[in-house]
Amino acid sequence: MIYLLDTSALLSHHRQEPGWEIVQELFENPDAKIIIASVTIAEFSRRMAELGAKPGEIMATVAEYRHMFAEVVAIDEDVARLAFAIGFATPKRLPLADALIAAAAGSRKATLVHRDKHMSAVPVLMVETLDLAK
């Protein structure tokens, strides 16, 4: 099974916030392939900075996590087009970064793991999701 971690899921794990145990179980599951979207690296880093982390600490944390991912999905033309389709099909406003992350999951037929109320609106027929907030 392939799982793509949204930034909210990665932050949840890093900060041991509600739902982090599920992410940990995925990391420990030998049958789970864990991936992220490239935009998540920037979002995660920016959020850590907002929370007071220094650049060196942020880069070290990102490097520690990087070895845990089987792939970092690049945001290319196909992913961008799928992000548009997902955003268009989502009944509520979906921020661009979230649409790109959802599209990265969809492009790999991965389950999108998140703890973000925006992601709850992504059509399940387009991207399967696992909401850590439930």
C-alpha atoms as a PDB file:
ATOM      1  CA  MET A   1       0.000   0.000   0.000  1.00  0.00           C
ATOM      2  CA  ILE A   2       1.252   3.494  -0.838  1.00  0.00           C
ATOM      3  CA  TYR A   3       0.659   6.423   1.519  1.00  0.00           C
ATOM      4  CA  LEU A   4       1.425  10.052   0.768  1.00  0.00           C
ATOM      5  CA  LEU A   5       1.820  12.211   3.864  1.00  0.00           C
ATOM      6  CA  ASP A   6       0.321  15.675   3.717  1.00  0.00           C
ATOM      7  CA  THR A   7       2.222  18.393   5.545  1.00  0.00           C
ATOM      8  CA  SER A   8      -0.327  18.229   8.370  1.00  0.00           C
ATOM      9  CA  ALA A   9       0.382  14.517   8.876  1.00  0.00           C
ATOM     10  CA  LEU A  10       4.147  15.080   8.883  1.00  0.00           C
ATOM     11  CA  LEU A  11       3.797  17.919  11.397  1.00  0.00           C
ATOM     12  CA  SER A  12       1.498  15.784  13.516  1.00  0.00           C
ATOM     13  CA  HIS A  13       4.149  13.066  13.634  1.00  0.00           C
ATOM     14  CA  HIS A  14       7.014  15.455  14.296  1.00  0.00           C
ATOM     15  CA  ARG A  15       5.191  17.284  17.091  1.00  0.00           C
ATOM     16  CA  GLN A  16       3.458  14.143  18.424  1.00  0.00           C
ATOM     17  CA  GLU A  17       0.057  15.764  18.021  1.00  0.00           C
ATOM     18  CA  PRO A  18      -3.189  13.769  17.730  1.00  0.00           C
ATOM     19  CA  GLY A  19      -2.905  11.160  14.997  1.00  0.00           C
ATOM     20  CA  TRP A  20       0.889  10.888  15.161  1.00  0.00           C
ATOM     21  CA  GLU A  21       0.656   7.267  16.316  1.00  0.00           C
ATOM     22  CA  ILE A  22      -1.065   6.297  13.056  1.00  0.00           C
ATOM     23  CA  VAL A  23       1.756   7.881  11.056  1.00  0.00           C
ATOM     24  CA  GLN A  24       4.284   6.035  13.227  1.00  0.00           C
ATOM     25  CA  GLU A  25       2.490   2.745  12.541  1.00  0.00           C
ATOM     26  CA  LEU A  26       2.731   3.445   8.817  1.00  0.00           C
ATOM     27  CA  PHE A  27       6.465   4.123   9.119  1.00  0.00           C
ATOM     28  CA  GLU A  28       6.883   0.813  10.973  1.00  0.00           C
ATOM     29  CA  ASN A  29       4.740  -1.215   8.551  1.00  0.00           C
ATOM     30  CA  PRO A  30       7.057  -3.076   6.148  1.00  0.00           C
ATOM     31  CA  ASP A  31       4.233  -3.314   3.592  1.00  0.00           C
ATOM     32  CA  ALA A  32       3.665   0.455   3.537  1.00  0.00           C
ATOM     33  CA  LYS A  33       5.461   2.639   1.008  1.00  0.00           C
ATOM     34  CA  ILE A  34       5.558   6.183   2.428  1.00  0.00           C
ATOM     35  CA  ILE A  35       5.978   9.101   0.041  1.00  0.00           C
ATOM     36  CA  ILE A  36       5.555  12.894   0.128  1.00  0.00           C
ATOM     37  CA  ALA A  37       5.066  15.670  -2.407  1.00  0.00           C
ATOM     38  CA  SER A  38       7.970  18.034  -3.017  1.00  0.00           C
ATOM     39  CA  VAL A  39       5.847  21.001  -1.929  1.00  0.00           C
ATOM     40  CA  THR A  40       5.519  19.384   1.506  1.00  0.00           C
ATOM     41  CA  ILE A  41       9.218  19.965   2.132  1.00  0.00           C
ATOM     42  CA  ALA A  42       8.715  23.723   1.752  1.00  0.00           C
ATOM     43  CA  GLU A  43       5.453  23.784   3.729  1.00  0.00           C
ATOM     44  CA  PHE A  44       6.887  21.689   6.564  1.00  0.00           C
ATOM     45  CA  SER A  45      10.027  23.832   6.737  1.00  0.00           C
ATOM     46  CA  ARG A  46       8.052  27.086   6.761  1.00  0.00           C
ATOM     47  CA  ARG A  47       5.734  25.818   9.486  1.00  0.00           C
ATOM     48  CA  MET A  48       8.690  24.734  11.635  1.00  0.00           C
ATOM     49  CA  ALA A  49      10.166  28.234  11.227  1.00  0.00           C
ATOM     50  CA  GLU A  50       6.817  29.763  12.273  1.00  0.00           C
ATOM     51  CA  LEU A  51       6.961  27.557  15.361  1.00  0.00           C
ATOM     52  CA  GLY A  52      10.399  28.959  16.246  1.00  0.00           C
ATOM     53  CA  ALA A  53      12.834  26.424  14.802  1.00  0.00           C
ATOM     54  CA  LYS A  54      16.140  27.747  13.478  1.00  0.00           C
ATOM     55  CA  PRO A  55      17.242  27.073   9.872  1.00  0.00           C
ATOM     56  CA  GLY A  56      19.877  24.501  10.894  1.00  0.00           C
ATOM     57  CA  GLU A  57      17.388  22.585  13.020  1.00  0.00           C
ATOM     58  CA  ILE A  58      14.853  22.656  10.189  1.00  0.00           C
ATOM     59  CA  MET A  59      17.335  21.329   7.627  1.00  0.00           C
ATOM     60  CA  ALA A  60      18.459  18.575  10.015  1.00  0.00           C
ATOM     61  CA  THR A  61      14.867  17.528  10.701  1.00  0.00           C
ATOM     62  CA  VAL A  62      14.017  17.469   7.000  1.00  0.00           C
ATOM     63  CA  ALA A  63      17.133  15.374   6.330  1.00  0.00           C
ATOM     64  CA  GLU A  64      16.177  12.908   9.092  1.00  0.00           C
ATOM     65  CA  TYR A  65      12.722  12.473   7.620  1.00  0.00           C
ATOM     66  CA  ARG A  66      13.941  12.281   4.022  1.00  0.00           C
ATOM     67  CA  HIS A  67      15.456   8.831   4.432  1.00  0.00           C
ATOM     68  CA  MET A  68      12.058   7.539   5.610  1.00  0.00           C
ATOM     69  CA  PHE A  69      10.348   8.324   2.289  1.00  0.00           C
ATOM     70  CA  ALA A  70      10.485   5.989  -0.677  1.00  0.00           C
ATOM     71  CA  GLU A  71       9.887   8.916  -3.027  1.00  0.00           C
ATOM     72  CA  VAL A  72       9.460  12.670  -3.150  1.00  0.00           C
ATOM     73  CA  VAL A  73       6.859  13.281  -5.854  1.00  0.00           C
ATOM     74  CA  ALA A  74       7.810  16.206  -8.072  1.00  0.00           C
ATOM     75  CA  ILE A  75       5.161  18.714  -9.048  1.00  0.00           C
ATOM     76  CA  ASP A  76       5.286  18.356 -12.820  1.00  0.00           C
ATOM     77  CA  GLU A  77       2.803  19.178 -15.563  1.00  0.00           C
ATOM     78  CA  ASP A  78       0.706  16.038 -15.040  1.00  0.00           C
ATOM     79  CA  VAL A  79       0.451  16.634 -11.289  1.00  0.00           C
ATOM     80  CA  ALA A  80      -0.429  20.299 -11.919  1.00  0.00           C
ATOM     81  CA  ARG A  81      -3.225  19.318 -14.304  1.00  0.00           C
ATOM     82  CA  LEU A  82      -4.576  16.789 -11.826  1.00  0.00           C
ATOM     83  CA  ALA A  83      -4.415  19.454  -9.085  1.00  0.00           C
ATOM     84  CA  PHE A  84      -6.609  21.674 -11.224  1.00  0.00           C
ATOM     85  CA  ALA A  85      -9.103  18.839 -11.756  1.00  0.00           C
ATOM     86  CA  ILE A  86      -9.202  18.041  -8.027  1.00  0.00           C
ATOM     87  CA  GLY A  87      -9.619  21.692  -7.106  1.00  0.00           C
ATOM     88  CA  PHE A  88     -12.390  22.091  -9.672  1.00  0.00           C
ATOM     89  CA  ALA A  89     -14.213  18.986  -8.363  1.00  0.00           C
ATOM     90  CA  THR A  90     -13.871  19.965  -4.702  1.00  0.00           C
ATOM     91  CA  PRO A  91     -17.027  21.702  -3.461  1.00  0.00           C
ATOM     92  CA  LYS A  92     -15.170  23.980  -1.019  1.00  0.00           C
ATOM     93  CA  ARG A  93     -12.128  26.137  -1.726  1.00  0.00           C
ATOM     94  CA  LEU A  94      -8.971  24.038  -1.751  1.00  0.00           C
ATOM     95  CA  PRO A  95      -5.696  25.970  -1.311  1.00  0.00           C
ATOM     96  CA  LEU A  96      -3.236  25.451  -4.149  1.00  0.00           C
ATOM     97  CA  ALA A  97      -0.608  23.661  -2.024  1.00  0.00           C
ATOM     98  CA  ASP A  98      -3.274  21.223  -0.790  1.00  0.00           C
ATOM     99  CA  ALA A  99      -4.510  20.607  -4.340  1.00  0.00           C
ATOM    100  CA  LEU A 100      -0.929  19.897  -5.469  1.00  0.00           C
ATOM    101  CA  ILE A 101      -0.345  17.505  -2.572  1.00  0.00           C
ATOM    102  CA  ALA A 102      -3.645  15.704  -3.235  1.00  0.00           C
ATOM    103  CA  ALA A 103      -2.724  15.470  -6.913  1.00  0.00           C
ATOM    104  CA  ALA A 104       0.687  14.037  -6.046  1.00  0.00           C
ATOM    105  CA  ALA A 105      -1.125  11.322  -4.078  1.00  0.00           C
ATOM    106  CA  GLY A 106      -3.550  10.743  -6.927  1.00  0.00           C
ATOM    107  CA  SER A 107      -0.746  10.509  -9.474  1.00  0.00           C
ATOM    108  CA  ARG A 108       0.767   7.625  -7.497  1.00  0.00           C
ATOM    109  CA  LYS A 109      -2.567   6.029  -6.552  1.00  0.00           C
ATOM    110  CA  ALA A 110      -1.578   6.614  -2.938  1.00  0.00           C
ATOM    111  CA  THR A 111      -3.782   7.110   0.089  1.00  0.00           C
ATOM    112  CA  LEU A 112      -3.485  10.735   1.197  1.00  0.00           C
ATOM    113  CA  VAL A 113      -2.790  10.857   4.945  1.00  0.00           C
ATOM    114  CA  HIS A 114      -3.749  14.195   6.481  1.00  0.00           C
ATOM    115  CA  ARG A 115      -5.083  16.109   9.460  1.00  0.00           C
ATOM    116  CA  ASP A 116      -6.320  19.087   7.504  1.00  0.00           C
ATOM    117  CA  LYS A 117      -9.976  20.049   7.178  1.00  0.00           C
ATOM    118  CA  HIS A 118      -9.323  21.342   3.627  1.00  0.00           C
ATOM    119  CA  MET A 119      -8.327  17.829   2.575  1.00  0.00           C
ATOM    120  CA  SER A 120     -11.577  16.361   3.884  1.00  0.00           C
ATOM    121  CA  ALA A 121     -13.325  18.010   0.919  1.00  0.00           C
ATOM    122  CA  VAL A 122     -11.188  16.216  -1.706  1.00  0.00           C
ATOM    123  CA  PRO A 123     -13.481  13.881  -3.689  1.00  0.00           C
ATOM    124  CA  VAL A 124     -12.874  10.313  -2.541  1.00  0.00           C
ATOM    125  CA  LEU A 125     -13.386   9.086  -6.111  1.00  0.00           C
ATOM    126  CA  MET A 126     -10.304  11.071  -7.111  1.00  0.00           C
ATOM    127  CA  VAL A 127      -8.029  10.456  -4.114  1.00  0.00           C
ATOM    128  CA  GLU A 128      -8.451   8.020  -1.243  1.00  0.00           C
ATOM    129  CA  THR A 129      -7.801   9.719   2.094  1.00  0.00           C
ATOM    130  CA  LEU A 130      -6.999   8.804   5.675  1.00  0.00           C
ATOM    131  CA  ASP A 131      -8.009  11.600   8.045  1.00  0.00           C
ATOM    132  CA  LEU A 132      -5.933  11.548  11.239  1.00  0.00           C
ATOM    133  CA  ALA A 133      -8.452  13.861  12.935  1.00  0.00           C
ATOM    134  CA  LYS A 134     -11.169  11.190  12.933  1.00  0.00           C
END
